[in-house]
């Protein structure tokens, strides 16, 4: 099975899970609180990326036709992560934008609000060299909080899906 077929199946599965369990997911107070915490953590990471120059460095690389977000990266996205993105209002793509890029890569970067850890935690050596050690540490520290909340979110969704599946 080709990568695009695998991702299309994952998106289909996640969409079905989301539709089947939509009410339970949207009404769960703990899940909503975690999503709010995640959004704040995500924004802090984005601020650090801008403040340190990493955001512009990565964008410039992308404009040059280079990207760390290569074909195959999307395989790290599981169904639960895609469900969380649907909960966050992300419209998942139906096809790949760039033949050599990740399925979720757009002209403005990643369309996912909740990303696999490999995508959030990867800082290439060129970026580290460009922004320096102190800025690299700042970014990595901001990513830690986001990763912990993401873990809690995935665990909560798994618990809710299991609970609502058993009740059905």
Protein backbone atom coordinates (compact mmCIF):
# COMPACT_ATOMS: atom_id res chain seq x y z
CA UNK A 1 0.00 0.00 0.00
CA UNK A 2 1.35 3.44 -0.96
CA UNK A 3 1.84 6.21 1.59
CA UNK A 4 -1.05 8.30 0.19
CA UNK A 5 -3.39 5.31 0.42
CA UNK A 6 -2.33 4.67 4.03
CA UNK A 7 -2.93 8.32 4.95
CA UNK A 8 -6.26 8.40 3.12
CA UNK A 9 -7.33 5.36 5.14
CA UNK A 10 -6.16 6.96 8.40
CA UNK A 11 -8.10 10.13 7.59
CA UNK A 12 -11.19 8.09 6.73
CA UNK A 13 -10.90 6.11 9.99
CA UNK A 14 -10.31 9.24 12.07
CA UNK A 15 -13.25 11.03 10.42
CA UNK A 16 -15.51 8.08 11.13
CA UNK A 17 -14.33 7.89 14.75
CA UNK A 18 -14.88 11.61 15.14
CA UNK A 19 -18.41 11.49 13.71
CA UNK A 20 -19.37 8.42 15.76
CA UNK A 21 -18.08 9.88 19.04
CA UNK A 22 -18.50 13.59 18.30
CA UNK A 23 -20.97 14.34 21.11
CA UNK A 24 -18.98 12.54 23.81
CA UNK A 25 -15.76 14.23 22.69
CA UNK A 26 -17.21 17.73 22.43
CA UNK A 27 -19.02 17.48 25.76
CA UNK A 28 -16.12 16.14 27.80
CA UNK A 29 -14.96 18.87 30.19
CA UNK A 30 -11.51 17.37 30.81
CA UNK A 31 -10.84 17.04 27.09
CA UNK A 32 -11.93 20.63 26.46
CA UNK A 33 -9.69 21.90 29.27
CA UNK A 34 -6.74 19.97 27.86
CA UNK A 35 -7.42 21.36 24.38
CA UNK A 36 -7.36 24.90 25.83
CA UNK A 37 -4.09 24.18 27.63
CA UNK A 38 -2.65 22.73 24.43
CA UNK A 39 -3.65 25.79 22.43
CA UNK A 40 -1.82 28.02 24.92
CA UNK A 41 1.25 25.78 24.88
CA UNK A 42 1.18 25.70 21.06
CA UNK A 43 1.03 29.51 20.97
CA UNK A 44 4.01 29.73 23.33
CA UNK A 45 6.00 27.48 21.02
CA UNK A 46 5.01 29.61 18.03
CA UNK A 47 6.10 32.75 19.92
CA UNK A 48 9.47 31.16 20.76
CA UNK A 49 9.92 30.10 17.13
CA UNK A 50 9.28 33.68 15.99
CA UNK A 51 11.31 35.33 18.77
CA UNK A 52 14.37 33.15 18.15
CA UNK A 53 14.24 33.51 14.36
CA UNK A 54 13.52 29.80 13.86
CA UNK A 55 10.15 30.48 12.25
CA UNK A 56 11.66 32.69 9.54
CA UNK A 57 14.63 30.34 9.09
CA UNK A 58 12.30 27.40 8.42
CA UNK A 59 10.04 29.49 6.16
CA UNK A 60 13.05 30.62 4.11
CA UNK A 61 14.15 27.02 3.74
CA UNK A 62 10.64 26.14 2.54
CA UNK A 63 10.61 29.01 0.03
CA UNK A 64 13.90 27.64 -1.33
CA UNK A 65 12.13 24.34 -2.01
CA UNK A 66 13.71 22.53 0.91
CA UNK A 67 11.80 21.04 3.79
CA UNK A 68 12.34 18.73 6.73
CA UNK A 69 8.69 17.79 6.22
CA UNK A 70 9.37 15.13 3.61
CA UNK A 71 7.19 12.45 2.10
CA UNK A 72 6.69 9.73 4.69
CA UNK A 73 6.67 12.03 7.74
CA UNK A 74 2.88 11.78 7.78
CA UNK A 75 3.09 8.11 8.70
CA UNK A 76 3.83 9.22 12.28
CA UNK A 77 0.30 10.65 12.46
CA UNK A 78 -2.04 8.14 14.05
CA UNK A 79 -5.85 8.04 14.06
CA UNK A 80 -6.12 9.62 17.52
CA UNK A 81 -3.94 12.56 16.52
CA UNK A 82 -6.13 13.08 13.46
CA UNK A 83 -9.27 12.92 15.63
CA UNK A 84 -7.75 15.60 17.87
CA UNK A 85 -7.08 17.77 14.83
CA UNK A 86 -10.68 17.37 13.72
CA UNK A 87 -11.74 18.41 17.25
CA UNK A 88 -9.52 21.47 16.89
CA UNK A 89 -11.30 22.42 13.67
CA UNK A 90 -8.62 21.36 11.20
CA UNK A 91 -9.87 20.45 7.74
CA UNK A 92 -7.77 17.45 6.75
CA UNK A 93 -6.55 17.45 3.14
CA UNK A 94 -7.75 14.98 0.57
CA UNK A 95 -4.48 14.92 -1.35
CA UNK A 96 -0.81 15.81 -1.06
CA UNK A 97 0.15 19.37 -2.05
CA UNK A 98 3.84 18.73 -2.73
CA UNK A 99 5.01 15.44 -4.30
CA UNK A 100 8.10 15.22 -2.08
CA UNK A 101 6.55 16.85 0.99
CA UNK A 102 4.53 15.56 3.90
CA UNK A 103 0.83 14.97 3.16
CA UNK A 104 -0.07 17.70 5.69
CA UNK A 105 2.36 20.35 4.36
CA UNK A 106 0.81 23.45 2.78
CA UNK A 107 2.26 26.67 1.34
CA UNK A 108 2.17 28.16 4.84
CA UNK A 109 3.56 25.16 6.70
CA UNK A 110 1.90 22.29 8.50
CA UNK A 111 -1.91 22.37 8.52
CA UNK A 112 -2.09 20.24 11.66
CA UNK A 113 -2.59 22.00 14.99
CA UNK A 114 -1.64 18.86 16.90
CA UNK A 115 1.42 17.25 15.37
CA UNK A 116 3.38 14.08 15.95
CA UNK A 117 6.22 14.60 18.41
CA UNK A 118 8.85 13.98 15.75
CA UNK A 119 7.51 16.95 13.81
CA UNK A 120 7.41 19.27 16.79
CA UNK A 121 10.72 18.23 18.33
CA UNK A 122 12.93 18.04 15.26
CA UNK A 123 15.36 20.92 14.91
CA UNK A 124 17.86 20.45 12.10
CA UNK A 125 21.55 21.18 12.64
CA UNK A 126 21.45 24.14 10.24
CA UNK A 127 18.70 25.74 12.33
CA UNK A 128 20.55 25.06 15.59
CA UNK A 129 23.68 26.65 14.14
CA UNK A 130 21.74 29.67 12.86
CA UNK A 131 19.89 30.46 16.11
CA UNK A 132 22.52 29.35 18.63
CA UNK A 133 22.47 27.13 21.69
CA UNK A 134 20.51 29.44 24.02
CA UNK A 135 17.66 29.86 21.50
CA UNK A 136 17.66 26.14 20.73
CA UNK A 137 17.25 25.41 24.44
CA UNK A 138 14.42 27.98 24.68
CA UNK A 139 12.53 26.28 21.86
CA UNK A 140 13.08 22.80 23.25
CA UNK A 141 11.85 23.84 26.69
CA UNK A 142 8.69 25.32 25.22
CA UNK A 143 8.14 22.10 23.27
CA UNK A 144 8.27 20.01 26.46
CA UNK A 145 5.04 21.46 27.84
CA UNK A 146 3.26 20.95 24.54
CA UNK A 147 4.41 17.31 24.39
CA UNK A 148 3.14 16.53 27.90
CA UNK A 149 -0.29 18.02 27.14
CA UNK A 150 -0.42 16.18 23.80
CA UNK A 151 0.21 12.90 25.62
CA UNK A 152 -2.62 13.66 28.07
CA UNK A 153 -4.93 14.57 25.19
CA UNK A 154 -4.29 11.33 23.34
CA UNK A 155 -4.83 9.31 26.50
CA UNK A 156 -8.10 11.14 27.21
CA UNK A 157 -9.43 10.58 23.69
CA UNK A 158 -8.52 6.89 23.84
CA UNK A 159 -10.36 6.56 27.17
CA UNK A 160 -13.44 8.36 25.83
CA UNK A 161 -13.53 6.31 22.63
CA UNK A 162 -13.23 3.10 24.62
CA UNK A 163 -15.95 4.21 27.06
CA UNK A 164 -18.41 5.31 24.36
CA UNK A 165 -17.73 2.20 22.25
CA UNK A 166 -18.54 -0.05 25.22
CA UNK A 167 -21.72 1.89 25.96
CA UNK A 168 -22.96 1.51 22.38
